Amino acid sequence: MPIVAQSTETTDWVSRFADEVIEESERRAPGKPVVVASGLSPSGPVHLGNLREVMTPHLVADEIRRRGHEVRHLISWDDYDRYRKVPKGIAGVDEEAWAEHIGKPLTSVPAPKGSSYPNWAEHFKAAMIASLAELGVEFDGISQTAQYTSGVYREQILHAMKHRGDIDAVLAQYRTKKAPKKQQQKAVDEAELEAEEGSGAASEDDGSSGSAGYFPYKPYCGNCEKDLTTVTSYDDDTTELAYTCTACGFSETVRLSEFNRGKLVWKVDWPMRWAYEGVIFEPSGVDHSSPGSSFQVGGQIVGIFGGKQPIGPMYAFVGISGMAKMSSSRGGVPTPADALKIMEPQILRWLYARRRPNQSFKIAFDQEIQRLYDEWDKLAGKVADGSALPADVAAYTRAVGTAAGELPKTTRPLPYRTLASVADITAGHEDQALRILSELDPEQPLASLAEARPRYDKAEAWINTHVPADQRTIVRDEPDAELLKSLDEASQQSVRLLLDGLAEHWSLDGLTHLVYGVPKVQAGFPADATPKELPPEIKTAQRTFFALLYHLLVGRDTGPRLPTLLLAVGQERVRRLLGE
């Protein structure tokens, strides 16, 4: 069943862009589908920073669909870009061997060893396509290799060559500007970053300039397949083009009206596609905001092709926290697939939906993920009871599904931190995990782990891949007799109060009440006394009591939340470890 936005008067950024895009589309192409676009280069792992290039137009496109408009979200795979460098740390790739392929199209580079895909580009596209499916992103994929090698862009290429003087004049405006040294370095840094991001924007130069003049087209060499070529002559009437390859010395003359082994340079290619596809909306990274950047230059060149520049917000970078445990075999950058191993698609969608494109944010792979889930569950509760703000409702609605319907979800969304603790303590024993989880709420016991999935699986994956071994929880096999013998009278009393209340309070809420209540009762206050009714020293007493229990149960000062830990250890074993 399609999801209808819960408020048509939301002020979130998605709605505002949707208004603007619909209006612009009706002005430029009345009666035609609205076209939004993304561009991804499969030059290596397509990471979470690149995902913003997709999620921004996806969310806008989905809002437009919810309003009943037809819309196409194009993802251009820049798989005909040159192989610029060998990414570090890719499993199955010998850096020295793969360096031989630098300069070839990405689709002409072998896939990493062990891959089932035919080439480098397809190998890295596949993981991203699978992640987008899990995220509910509907798109039309366009392979630029297929477009160029089949001659789809032939007219556009010939047009660019005919108007090479006009293109050169636009580019010359930026070539001749002498920026201060600090600004020049910033531009270099941004260009390098842009290439690292996989946008393709810095992967090529402005074109082929030599004694014959400027040309916005580069052939791939007919001998070595590399783009280290220079056009030496071109005839507009016959379309005869001659080039030489500086890599292998090969040269040939071809008829460009029949030749399909080359492409327009990036700063010309991108605006050509805007015009060809009729793109109304396409975002770009903040690296495009500098003078002479691809987006700025493209805004002038697109007119040569009879088109207009899309509406396009600059989006900020996406940061990562807690990646110390990430495997270097993945190239050192976390991908959407990595994030989806430890968080549900709804959460990842929400991170991109709730922040305006120009706002940076971080994706947590460390302990922050537990706080993030707490925040999400709290929002879900507010949406359910009608107390959430309209913009928060809109972000939530966009996260849980699309115009096509809701994403698959966990039937019983138990707290992520609880699930992580249980997965930690049980170390993969599903029967033990089910026993503990079924005792969380005795009135509505969990019947099977399937009810807690996929959230349970995500929490278990987080524990296994992102929590260091020295932070994992190992419950004692035997009581700490020496510690038990050394306890003073007050400590013995606190342990006895806990043991006396175990049977009556054996649930998550009950044990929470019990462990926080013991220090209150010892100090002469009711177990249900609120913080406002208690002196500050009660908090100190609670911390001391908690540390004692952790030492007796797991031999450390800290661990999972005590109520969860007690349930996990089991009542009989708790009693034994606490000296009963």
Protein backbone atom coordinates (compact mmCIF):
# COMPACT_ATOMS: atom_id res chain seq x y z
CA MET A 1 0.00 0.00 0.00
CA PRO A 2 1.54 3.37 -0.97
CA ILE A 3 2.61 5.68 1.82
CA VAL A 4 1.04 9.10 1.83
CA ALA A 5 2.98 11.87 3.55
CA GLN A 6 1.31 12.57 6.89
CA SER A 7 1.44 16.33 6.48
CA THR A 8 1.16 18.27 3.22
CA GLU A 9 2.31 21.40 5.05
CA THR A 10 5.70 20.12 6.12
CA THR A 11 8.61 22.50 5.96
CA ASP A 12 11.32 19.90 5.52
CA TRP A 13 13.97 20.39 2.83
CA VAL A 14 12.64 17.54 0.67
CA SER A 15 9.21 19.15 0.27
CA ARG A 16 10.73 22.50 -0.59
CA PHE A 17 12.93 21.03 -3.32
CA ALA A 18 10.02 18.98 -4.65
CA ASP A 19 7.96 22.17 -5.03
CA GLU A 20 10.79 23.85 -6.91
CA VAL A 21 11.56 20.86 -9.14
CA ILE A 22 7.92 20.28 -10.13
CA GLU A 23 7.52 23.95 -11.02
CA GLU A 24 10.77 23.99 -13.03
CA SER A 25 9.90 20.76 -14.83
CA GLU A 26 6.52 22.12 -15.89
CA ARG A 27 8.26 25.20 -17.22
CA ARG A 28 10.99 23.35 -19.13
CA ALA A 29 9.25 20.14 -20.19
CA PRO A 30 5.47 20.34 -19.66
CA GLY A 31 3.69 17.01 -19.77
CA LYS A 32 6.92 14.98 -19.53
CA PRO A 33 8.23 12.95 -16.58
CA VAL A 34 10.31 14.89 -14.07
CA VAL A 35 13.98 13.90 -14.43
CA VAL A 36 16.38 13.85 -11.48
CA ALA A 37 19.88 12.46 -11.70
CA SER A 38 22.88 11.09 -9.82
CA GLY A 39 26.32 10.16 -11.05
CA LEU A 40 28.52 7.44 -9.56
CA SER A 41 31.95 6.25 -10.60
CA PRO A 42 32.65 2.58 -9.83
CA SER A 43 36.38 3.28 -9.64
CA GLY A 44 36.48 1.49 -6.28
CA PRO A 45 34.11 0.84 -3.37
CA VAL A 46 31.15 3.23 -3.66
CA HIS A 47 31.09 4.58 -0.12
CA LEU A 48 28.71 6.34 2.24
CA GLY A 49 29.82 9.78 1.07
CA ASN A 50 28.83 8.83 -2.49
CA LEU A 51 25.46 7.62 -1.17
CA ARG A 52 24.43 11.23 -0.54
CA GLU A 53 24.72 11.77 -4.30
CA VAL A 54 21.92 9.20 -4.65
CA MET A 55 19.80 9.73 -1.54
CA THR A 56 19.32 13.47 -2.09
CA PRO A 57 17.60 13.13 -5.49
CA HIS A 58 15.95 9.86 -4.42
CA LEU A 59 14.14 11.55 -1.54
CA VAL A 60 13.05 14.44 -3.76
CA ALA A 61 11.94 12.04 -6.53
CA ASP A 62 9.99 9.96 -4.02
CA GLU A 63 8.18 13.03 -2.69
CA ILE A 64 7.26 13.95 -6.27
CA ARG A 65 5.90 10.41 -6.80
CA ARG A 66 3.85 10.66 -3.60
CA ARG A 67 2.18 13.70 -5.13
CA GLY A 68 1.14 11.69 -8.17
CA HIS A 69 3.72 12.91 -10.70
CA GLU A 70 5.72 10.64 -12.98
CA VAL A 71 9.42 10.91 -12.26
CA ARG A 72 12.65 9.24 -13.44
CA HIS A 73 15.68 9.00 -11.19
CA LEU A 74 18.68 8.39 -13.43
CA ILE A 75 21.90 7.00 -12.04
CA SER A 76 24.70 7.44 -14.55
CA TRP A 77 27.41 4.90 -13.92
CA ASP A 78 30.60 6.64 -15.03
CA ASP A 79 32.10 3.30 -15.97
CA TYR A 80 33.68 4.67 -19.15
CA ASP A 81 35.90 6.99 -17.11
CA ARG A 82 39.61 6.28 -17.09
CA TYR A 83 41.06 4.03 -14.42
CA ARG A 84 42.88 6.75 -12.55
CA LYS A 85 44.76 4.84 -9.85
CA VAL A 86 44.72 1.55 -7.95
CA PRO A 87 42.79 1.94 -4.67
CA LYS A 88 44.73 0.66 -1.68
CA GLY A 89 43.71 -2.40 0.28
CA ILE A 90 41.33 -4.03 -2.20
CA ALA A 91 41.20 -7.80 -1.69
CA GLY A 92 42.35 -9.75 -4.75
CA VAL A 93 44.26 -6.82 -6.24
CA ASP A 94 48.01 -6.65 -6.66
CA GLU A 95 48.70 -2.90 -6.84
CA GLU A 96 51.70 -3.28 -9.13
CA ALA A 97 49.88 -5.59 -11.55
CA TRP A 98 46.72 -3.46 -11.70
CA ALA A 99 48.74 -0.26 -12.19
CA GLU A 100 49.32 -1.51 -15.74
CA HIS A 101 45.68 -0.73 -16.47
CA ILE A 102 45.77 2.96 -15.45
CA GLY A 103 44.35 5.02 -18.32
CA LYS A 104 41.94 2.36 -19.61
CA PRO A 105 38.15 2.60 -19.26
CA LEU A 106 36.95 1.12 -15.98
CA THR A 107 35.05 -1.54 -17.92
CA SER A 108 38.31 -2.67 -19.57
CA VAL A 109 40.07 -3.27 -16.23
CA PRO A 110 39.94 -6.82 -14.81
CA ALA A 111 37.84 -7.35 -11.71
CA PRO A 112 39.68 -8.22 -8.48
CA LYS A 113 40.76 -11.87 -8.32
CA GLY A 114 37.98 -14.11 -7.11
CA SER A 115 35.23 -11.82 -8.37
CA SER A 116 32.39 -13.29 -10.40
CA TYR A 117 31.97 -10.05 -12.37
CA PRO A 118 33.42 -9.45 -15.85
CA ASN A 119 35.34 -6.26 -15.06
CA TRP A 120 36.33 -3.73 -12.41
CA ALA A 121 33.33 -1.45 -12.88
CA GLU A 122 30.73 -4.23 -12.71
CA HIS A 123 32.36 -5.63 -9.57
CA PHE A 124 31.92 -2.38 -7.64
CA LYS A 125 28.57 -1.48 -9.18
CA ALA A 126 27.06 -4.76 -7.99
CA ALA A 127 27.53 -4.06 -4.27
CA MET A 128 26.00 -0.60 -4.60
CA ILE A 129 23.03 -1.86 -6.63
CA ALA A 130 22.30 -4.47 -3.94
CA SER A 131 22.45 -1.80 -1.21
CA LEU A 132 20.16 0.55 -3.13
CA ALA A 133 17.62 -2.26 -3.49
CA GLU A 134 17.71 -2.82 0.27
CA LEU A 135 17.24 0.92 0.82
CA GLY A 136 14.20 1.01 -1.46
CA VAL A 137 15.83 3.31 -4.02
CA GLU A 138 14.09 3.08 -7.39
CA PHE A 139 16.26 4.23 -10.31
CA ASP A 140 17.08 3.84 -14.00
CA GLY A 141 20.73 2.88 -14.36
CA ILE A 142 22.69 4.15 -17.36
CA SER A 143 26.08 2.68 -18.24
CA GLN A 144 28.21 5.36 -19.88
CA THR A 145 30.28 2.59 -21.49
CA ALA A 146 27.12 1.36 -23.21
CA GLN A 147 26.11 4.90 -24.20
CA TYR A 148 29.45 5.82 -25.75
CA THR A 149 30.38 2.51 -27.37
CA SER A 150 26.97 2.11 -29.00
CA GLY A 151 27.10 5.58 -30.55
CA VAL A 152 24.21 7.04 -28.55
CA TYR A 153 26.09 10.31 -28.07
CA ARG A 154 27.46 10.56 -31.62
CA GLU A 155 25.55 13.74 -32.51
CA GLN A 156 26.54 15.34 -29.22
CA ILE A 157 30.21 14.48 -29.76
CA LEU A 158 30.21 15.90 -33.29
CA HIS A 159 28.41 19.00 -32.00
CA ALA A 160 31.02 19.47 -29.26
CA MET A 161 33.85 19.10 -31.76
CA LYS A 162 32.20 21.62 -34.09
CA HIS A 163 31.84 24.09 -31.21
CA ARG A 164 35.20 23.33 -29.64
CA GLY A 165 36.18 26.99 -29.90
CA ASP A 166 33.17 28.03 -27.80
CA ILE A 167 33.93 25.35 -25.22
CA ASP A 168 37.58 26.33 -25.12
CA ALA A 169 36.61 29.95 -24.55
CA VAL A 170 34.55 29.00 -21.47
CA LEU A 171 37.34 26.88 -20.04
CA ALA A 172 39.89 29.57 -20.81
CA GLN A 173 38.12 31.95 -18.43
CA TYR A 174 39.28 29.74 -15.59
CA ARG A 175 42.65 28.69 -16.98
CA THR A 176 43.81 32.31 -17.15
CA LYS A 177 42.68 33.27 -13.66
CA LYS A 178 45.63 33.36 -11.28
CA ALA A 179 44.33 32.45 -7.87
CA PRO A 180 46.38 33.15 -4.73
CA LYS A 181 48.70 30.28 -3.77
CA LYS A 182 46.51 29.23 -0.85
CA GLN A 183 43.45 29.11 -3.14
CA GLN A 184 45.41 27.20 -5.79
CA GLN A 185 46.35 24.57 -3.20
CA LYS A 186 42.72 24.39 -2.05
CA ALA A 187 41.64 23.73 -5.63
CA VAL A 188 44.27 20.98 -5.96
CA ASP A 189 43.19 19.41 -2.68
CA GLU A 190 39.52 19.54 -3.75
CA ALA A 191 40.32 18.02 -7.13
CA GLU A 192 42.19 15.17 -5.48
CA LEU A 193 39.36 14.68 -2.99
CA GLU A 194 36.81 14.75 -5.80
CA ALA A 195 38.70 11.97 -7.54
CA GLU A 196 38.92 10.02 -4.29
CA GLU A 197 35.17 10.41 -3.84
CA GLY A 198 34.70 8.64 -7.15
CA SER A 199 32.70 11.40 -8.80
CA GLY A 200 34.79 11.22 -11.93
CA ALA A 201 35.00 15.00 -12.04
CA ALA A 202 38.73 15.16 -11.53
CA SER A 203 39.57 11.99 -13.41
CA GLU A 204 40.23 13.75 -16.72
CA ASP A 205 41.75 17.01 -17.91
CA ASP A 206 39.91 19.73 -19.85
CA GLY A 207 40.68 18.20 -23.21
CA SER A 208 43.39 17.63 -25.80
CA SER A 209 45.47 20.70 -26.56
CA GLY A 210 48.33 20.60 -29.02
CA SER A 211 49.62 22.26 -32.17
CA ALA A 212 46.28 21.50 -33.85
CA GLY A 213 44.36 23.40 -31.18
CA TYR A 214 41.88 22.39 -28.49
CA PHE A 215 39.59 19.32 -28.67
CA PRO A 216 37.00 18.33 -26.02
CA TYR A 217 37.18 14.65 -27.00
CA LYS A 218 39.67 11.92 -26.13
CA PRO A 219 39.93 8.62 -27.99
CA TYR A 220 40.94 5.49 -26.14
CA CYS A 221 43.99 4.06 -27.92
CA GLY A 222 43.27 1.32 -30.44
CA ASN A 223 46.39 -0.53 -29.33
CA CYS A 224 46.81 -0.19 -25.55
CA GLU A 225 43.24 1.00 -24.74
CA LYS A 226 44.54 3.92 -22.68
CA ASP A 227 43.39 7.53 -22.94
CA LEU A 228 46.92 8.96 -23.02
CA THR A 229 46.18 10.27 -26.47
CA THR A 230 46.44 13.61 -28.25
CA VAL A 231 44.23 14.61 -31.17
CA THR A 232 46.58 15.85 -33.91
CA SER A 233 44.00 16.88 -36.50
CA TYR A 234 40.26 16.96 -37.13
CA ASP A 235 38.17 17.83 -40.19
CA ASP A 236 34.68 19.11 -39.42
CA ASP A 237 33.35 18.22 -42.87
CA THR A 238 34.62 14.65 -43.15
CA THR A 239 34.86 14.09 -39.33
CA GLU A 240 38.30 12.53 -39.92
CA LEU A 241 40.23 12.57 -36.66
CA ALA A 242 43.90 11.68 -36.20
CA TYR A 243 45.46 10.95 -32.83
CA THR A 244 48.66 9.60 -31.34
CA CYS A 245 49.11 7.69 -28.10
CA THR A 246 51.91 8.89 -25.83
CA ALA A 247 51.81 5.63 -23.89
CA CYS A 248 52.59 3.18 -26.70
CA GLY A 249 53.28 5.40 -29.72
CA PHE A 250 50.32 4.07 -31.69
CA SER A 251 48.59 6.47 -34.08
CA GLU A 252 45.63 6.20 -36.43
CA THR A 253 43.08 8.22 -38.38
CA VAL A 254 39.40 7.47 -37.85
CA ARG A 255 36.07 8.88 -38.99
CA LEU A 256 34.45 10.27 -35.82
CA SER A 257 30.98 9.87 -37.34
CA GLU A 258 31.57 6.09 -37.15
CA PHE A 259 34.04 5.81 -34.26
CA ASN A 260 32.82 4.75 -30.79
CA ARG A 261 35.98 4.27 -28.77
CA GLY A 262 36.39 7.54 -26.90
CA LYS A 263 34.48 10.10 -24.83
CA LEU A 264 34.01 13.76 -24.15
CA VAL A 265 36.20 15.08 -21.35
CA TRP A 266 34.43 15.35 -18.01
CA LYS A 267 33.71 19.09 -17.91
CA VAL A 268 31.99 18.74 -21.28
CA ASP A 269 30.50 15.29 -20.79
CA TRP A 270 28.48 16.25 -17.70
CA PRO A 271 26.65 19.27 -19.18
CA MET A 272 26.13 17.35 -22.42
CA ARG A 273 24.23 14.72 -20.42
CA TRP A 274 22.15 17.36 -18.63
CA ALA A 275 20.94 18.55 -22.01
CA TYR A 276 20.56 15.06 -23.51
CA GLU A 277 18.54 13.66 -20.57
CA GLY A 278 16.66 16.88 -19.73
CA VAL A 279 17.81 16.75 -16.10
CA ILE A 280 15.88 19.10 -13.81
CA PHE A 281 17.52 18.23 -10.48
CA GLU A 282 21.00 16.93 -9.68
CA PRO A 283 23.01 17.66 -6.53
CA SER A 284 26.79 17.93 -6.36
CA GLY A 285 29.40 17.82 -3.62
CA VAL A 286 30.80 20.93 -1.95
CA ASP A 287 34.01 20.31 -3.91
CA HIS A 288 32.12 21.61 -6.97
CA SER A 289 31.71 25.08 -5.46
CA SER A 290 35.24 26.32 -6.18
CA PRO A 291 35.98 28.53 -9.23
CA GLY A 292 36.38 26.42 -12.35
CA SER A 293 34.68 23.40 -10.82
CA SER A 294 32.74 20.99 -12.99
CA PHE A 295 29.30 22.22 -11.89
CA GLN A 296 30.15 25.89 -12.35
CA VAL A 297 31.80 25.40 -15.75
CA GLY A 298 29.03 23.02 -16.79
CA GLY A 299 26.47 25.73 -16.17
CA GLN A 300 28.02 27.71 -19.03
CA ILE A 301 28.79 24.80 -21.35
CA VAL A 302 25.30 23.24 -21.14
CA GLY A 303 23.92 26.07 -23.28
CA ILE A 304 26.16 25.00 -26.15
CA PHE A 305 24.16 21.77 -26.21
CA GLY A 306 20.84 23.62 -26.04
CA GLY A 307 20.14 22.71 -22.44
CA LYS A 308 19.89 24.29 -19.00
CA GLN A 309 21.77 23.59 -15.81
CA PRO A 310 19.76 21.53 -13.30
CA ILE A 311 18.64 22.80 -9.94
CA GLY A 312 21.36 21.39 -7.75
CA PRO A 313 22.12 21.88 -4.08
CA MET A 314 25.69 21.47 -2.92
CA TYR A 315 25.79 18.65 -0.41
CA ALA A 316 28.19 18.45 2.53
CA PHE A 317 30.43 15.52 3.26
CA VAL A 318 29.38 12.55 5.36
CA GLY A 319 31.68 11.69 8.24
CA ILE A 320 32.26 8.35 9.92
CA SER A 321 32.87 7.54 13.58
CA GLY A 322 34.26 4.32 14.98
CA MET A 323 35.88 2.74 11.93
CA ALA A 324 39.00 1.43 13.65
CA LYS A 325 37.78 -2.15 13.26
CA MET A 326 36.92 -1.86 9.57
CA SER A 327 38.72 -4.41 7.43
CA SER A 328 41.33 -2.91 5.12
CA SER A 329 40.33 -5.50 2.52
CA ARG A 330 37.40 -3.22 1.68
CA GLY A 331 39.64 -0.38 0.63
CA GLY A 332 39.50 1.46 3.94
CA VAL A 333 36.23 3.30 3.25
CA PRO A 334 32.88 2.16 4.65
CA THR A 335 30.21 1.45 2.06
CA PRO A 336 26.41 1.36 2.29
CA ALA A 337 26.73 -2.43 2.50
CA ASP A 338 28.93 -2.06 5.59
CA ALA A 339 26.38 0.23 7.23
CA LEU A 340 23.47 -2.06 6.33
CA LYS A 341 25.17 -4.96 8.09
CA ILE A 342 24.75 -3.17 11.42
CA MET A 343 21.69 -0.96 10.93
CA GLU A 344 18.27 -1.36 9.38
CA PRO A 345 17.62 0.43 6.07
CA GLN A 346 15.13 2.75 7.77
CA ILE A 347 17.83 4.13 10.06
CA LEU A 348 20.27 4.76 7.21
CA ARG A 349 17.53 6.48 5.15
CA TRP A 350 16.65 8.61 8.17
CA LEU A 351 20.22 9.86 8.56
CA TYR A 352 20.12 11.28 5.02
CA ALA A 353 16.51 12.48 5.21
CA ARG A 354 16.65 14.45 8.45
CA ARG A 355 19.59 16.69 7.52
CA ARG A 356 19.52 19.33 4.79
CA PRO A 357 21.99 18.56 1.98
CA ASN A 358 24.32 21.37 3.07
CA GLN A 359 24.54 19.97 6.61
CA SER A 360 27.28 17.46 7.32
CA PHE A 361 26.63 14.52 9.61
CA LYS A 362 28.35 11.37 10.84
CA ILE A 363 27.39 7.73 10.51
CA ALA A 364 28.26 5.79 13.65
CA PHE A 365 29.99 2.43 13.69
CA ASP A 366 30.95 2.81 17.36
CA GLN A 367 28.92 2.98 20.59
CA GLU A 368 27.06 6.01 19.16
CA ILE A 369 24.93 3.61 17.13
CA GLN A 370 23.14 2.61 20.35
CA ARG A 371 22.29 6.24 21.11
CA LEU A 372 21.15 6.69 17.51
CA TYR A 373 18.74 3.77 17.82
CA ASP A 374 17.43 5.13 21.13
CA GLU A 375 16.73 8.43 19.36
CA TRP A 376 15.00 6.63 16.48
CA ASP A 377 12.78 4.56 18.81
CA LYS A 378 11.87 7.68 20.76
CA LEU A 379 10.88 9.41 17.51
CA ALA A 380 8.80 6.39 16.48
CA GLY A 381 6.93 6.67 19.77
CA LYS A 382 6.27 10.38 19.23
CA VAL A 383 5.04 9.78 15.69
CA ALA A 384 2.72 7.06 16.99
CA ASP A 385 1.20 9.26 19.71
CA GLY A 386 1.01 12.37 17.54
CA SER A 387 3.48 14.49 19.51
CA ALA A 388 6.25 14.70 16.88
CA LEU A 389 6.93 17.93 15.03
CA PRO A 390 5.77 18.03 11.37
CA ALA A 391 9.31 18.09 9.93
CA ASP A 392 10.28 15.12 12.14
CA VAL A 393 7.18 13.24 11.01
CA ALA A 394 8.15 13.92 7.40
CA ALA A 395 11.71 12.63 7.90
CA TYR A 396 10.37 9.55 9.70
CA THR A 397 7.83 8.87 6.96
CA ARG A 398 10.52 9.14 4.28
CA ALA A 399 12.72 6.75 6.28
CA VAL A 400 10.24 3.93 6.84
CA GLY A 401 9.16 3.63 3.23
CA THR A 402 8.69 5.09 -0.21
CA ALA A 403 5.76 5.96 -2.44
CA ALA A 404 5.67 2.26 -3.37
CA GLY A 405 5.13 1.11 0.23
CA GLU A 406 6.83 0.45 3.55
CA LEU A 407 10.23 -1.19 3.77
CA PRO A 408 10.40 -4.56 5.56
CA LYS A 409 10.72 -3.97 9.29
CA THR A 410 11.37 -5.72 12.59
CA THR A 411 8.12 -7.03 14.09
CA ARG A 412 9.23 -6.48 17.68
CA PRO A 413 11.76 -3.59 17.63
CA LEU A 414 13.43 -4.23 20.99
CA PRO A 415 16.08 -1.69 22.11
CA TYR A 416 19.23 -2.04 19.98
CA ARG A 417 21.51 -1.71 23.02
CA THR A 418 19.65 -4.59 24.71
CA LEU A 419 19.93 -6.78 21.62
CA ALA A 420 23.63 -5.95 21.32
CA SER A 421 24.22 -6.88 24.96
CA VAL A 422 22.38 -10.16 24.53
CA ALA A 423 24.30 -10.98 21.35
CA ASP A 424 27.54 -10.12 23.17
CA ILE A 425 26.84 -12.29 26.20
CA THR A 426 25.42 -15.29 24.33
CA ALA A 427 28.17 -15.33 21.66
CA GLY A 428 26.00 -16.76 18.89
CA HIS A 429 23.90 -19.22 20.93
CA GLU A 430 20.42 -18.48 19.60
CA ASP A 431 18.59 -20.61 22.17
CA GLN A 432 20.21 -18.62 24.97
CA ALA A 433 19.41 -15.34 23.19
CA LEU A 434 15.76 -16.33 22.84
CA ARG A 435 15.58 -17.34 26.53
CA ILE A 436 16.86 -13.93 27.62
CA LEU A 437 14.76 -11.91 25.19
CA SER A 438 11.60 -13.83 26.08
CA GLU A 439 12.11 -12.78 29.71
CA LEU A 440 12.35 -9.06 28.93
CA ASP A 441 8.59 -8.67 29.07
CA PRO A 442 6.92 -11.66 30.80
CA GLU A 443 3.46 -10.36 29.86
CA GLN A 444 4.32 -10.42 26.12
CA PRO A 445 7.17 -12.92 25.81
CA LEU A 446 9.06 -13.12 22.53
CA ALA A 447 7.97 -16.33 20.78
CA SER A 448 10.94 -16.61 18.40
CA LEU A 449 14.02 -14.68 17.33
CA ALA A 450 12.32 -14.08 13.97
CA GLU A 451 10.16 -11.45 15.72
CA ALA A 452 13.31 -9.51 16.70
CA ARG A 453 14.88 -9.76 13.26
CA PRO A 454 16.44 -8.13 11.31
CA ARG A 455 17.31 -5.75 14.17
CA TYR A 456 18.78 -8.56 16.27
CA ASP A 457 21.03 -9.65 13.38
CA LYS A 458 22.24 -6.07 12.87
CA ALA A 459 23.08 -5.72 16.57
CA GLU A 460 24.87 -9.07 16.57
CA ALA A 461 26.90 -8.04 13.49
CA TRP A 462 27.85 -4.78 15.21
CA ILE A 463 29.07 -6.64 18.30
CA ASN A 464 31.08 -9.12 16.22
CA THR A 465 32.69 -6.63 13.82
CA HIS A 466 32.99 -3.29 15.62
CA VAL A 467 33.44 -3.98 19.33
CA PRO A 468 37.09 -4.73 20.26
CA ALA A 469 37.76 -8.07 21.90
CA ASP A 470 38.84 -6.44 25.16
CA GLN A 471 35.41 -4.80 25.42
CA ARG A 472 33.43 -7.99 24.90
CA THR A 473 31.61 -9.47 27.89
CA ILE A 474 32.76 -12.79 29.36
CA VAL A 475 30.73 -13.97 32.35
CA ARG A 476 32.69 -15.63 35.15
CA ASP A 477 32.61 -19.41 35.32
CA GLU A 478 33.13 -19.47 39.08
CA PRO A 479 32.36 -17.01 41.93
CA ASP A 480 35.15 -14.61 42.94
CA ALA A 481 35.56 -16.15 46.41
CA GLU A 482 38.28 -13.72 47.44
CA LEU A 483 36.21 -10.65 46.58
CA LEU A 484 33.09 -12.07 48.23
CA LYS A 485 35.07 -12.78 51.41
CA SER A 486 36.45 -9.21 51.50
CA LEU A 487 33.06 -7.45 51.31
CA ASP A 488 32.18 -5.16 54.19
CA GLU A 489 28.81 -5.32 55.90
CA ALA A 490 27.21 -2.64 53.73
CA SER A 491 28.30 -4.36 50.50
CA GLN A 492 27.07 -7.73 51.78
CA GLN A 493 23.72 -6.13 52.60
CA SER A 494 23.41 -4.62 49.11
CA VAL A 495 24.07 -8.00 47.48
CA ARG A 496 21.53 -9.67 49.82
CA LEU A 497 18.87 -7.07 48.96
CA LEU A 498 19.43 -7.78 45.25
CA LEU A 499 19.24 -11.56 45.69
CA ASP A 500 16.08 -11.30 47.80
CA GLY A 501 14.34 -9.32 45.05
CA LEU A 502 15.47 -11.33 42.00
CA ALA A 503 12.53 -13.72 41.69
CA GLU A 504 9.90 -11.01 42.13
CA HIS A 505 11.57 -8.59 39.71
CA TRP A 506 12.73 -10.99 36.99
CA SER A 507 11.98 -8.87 33.91
CA LEU A 508 13.80 -6.01 32.23
CA ASP A 509 11.68 -3.31 33.87
CA GLY A 510 11.63 -5.16 37.18
CA LEU A 511 15.38 -5.62 37.37
CA THR A 512 15.92 -2.00 36.35
CA HIS A 513 13.76 -0.95 39.30
CA LEU A 514 15.60 -3.40 41.59
CA VAL A 515 19.23 -2.53 40.81
CA TYR A 516 18.60 1.21 41.01
CA GLY A 517 16.46 0.73 44.13
CA VAL A 518 18.91 -1.23 46.30
CA PRO A 519 21.16 1.78 47.17
CA LYS A 520 18.03 3.88 47.85
CA VAL A 521 16.62 1.30 50.30
CA GLN A 522 20.01 0.97 52.00
CA ALA A 523 20.04 4.72 52.56
CA GLY A 524 16.53 4.66 54.07
CA PHE A 525 14.55 5.86 51.05
CA PRO A 526 11.74 4.10 49.16
CA ALA A 527 12.94 2.08 46.14
CA ASP A 528 10.73 4.17 43.84
CA ALA A 529 11.98 7.55 45.12
CA THR A 530 12.72 9.95 42.25
CA PRO A 531 16.11 11.69 41.78
CA LYS A 532 14.58 14.97 42.96
CA GLU A 533 13.70 13.31 46.28
CA LEU A 534 17.20 11.95 46.85
CA PRO A 535 20.50 13.50 48.03
CA PRO A 536 23.39 13.58 45.50
CA GLU A 537 25.34 10.88 47.34
CA ILE A 538 22.78 8.28 46.25
CA LYS A 539 24.18 8.47 42.70
CA THR A 540 27.65 7.74 44.09
CA ALA A 541 26.28 4.79 46.05
CA GLN A 542 24.59 3.46 42.89
CA ARG A 543 27.82 3.67 40.88
CA THR A 544 29.69 1.84 43.65
CA PHE A 545 27.03 -0.87 43.79
CA PHE A 546 27.01 -1.31 40.01
CA ALA A 547 30.81 -1.62 39.91
CA LEU A 548 30.66 -4.32 42.59
CA LEU A 549 28.09 -6.33 40.61
CA TYR A 550 30.14 -6.03 37.41
CA HIS A 551 33.24 -7.32 39.23
CA LEU A 552 31.33 -10.24 40.69
CA LEU A 553 29.69 -11.16 37.36
CA VAL A 554 32.22 -10.28 34.63
CA GLY A 555 35.42 -9.25 36.42
CA ARG A 556 35.39 -5.63 35.19
CA ASP A 557 34.25 -2.20 36.35
CA THR A 558 31.71 -1.88 33.54
CA GLY A 559 29.71 -3.95 31.08
CA PRO A 560 26.29 -4.19 29.45
CA ARG A 561 23.35 -2.59 31.28
CA LEU A 562 22.95 -4.55 34.50
CA PRO A 563 19.28 -5.54 34.03
CA THR A 564 20.16 -7.03 30.62
CA LEU A 565 23.28 -8.68 32.02
CA LEU A 566 21.36 -10.26 34.90
CA LEU A 567 18.73 -11.66 32.51
CA ALA A 568 21.47 -12.95 30.24
CA VAL A 569 23.38 -14.70 33.00
CA GLY A 570 20.19 -16.33 34.30
CA GLN A 571 18.77 -16.30 37.81
CA GLU A 572 20.40 -19.52 39.00
CA ARG A 573 23.87 -18.55 37.81
CA VAL A 574 23.51 -14.99 39.19
CA ARG A 575 22.74 -16.42 42.61
CA ARG A 576 25.79 -18.69 42.46
CA LEU A 577 28.18 -15.92 41.30
CA LEU A 578 26.88 -13.57 44.00
CA GLY A 579 27.69 -16.16 46.67
CA GLU A 580 24.28 -17.51 47.58
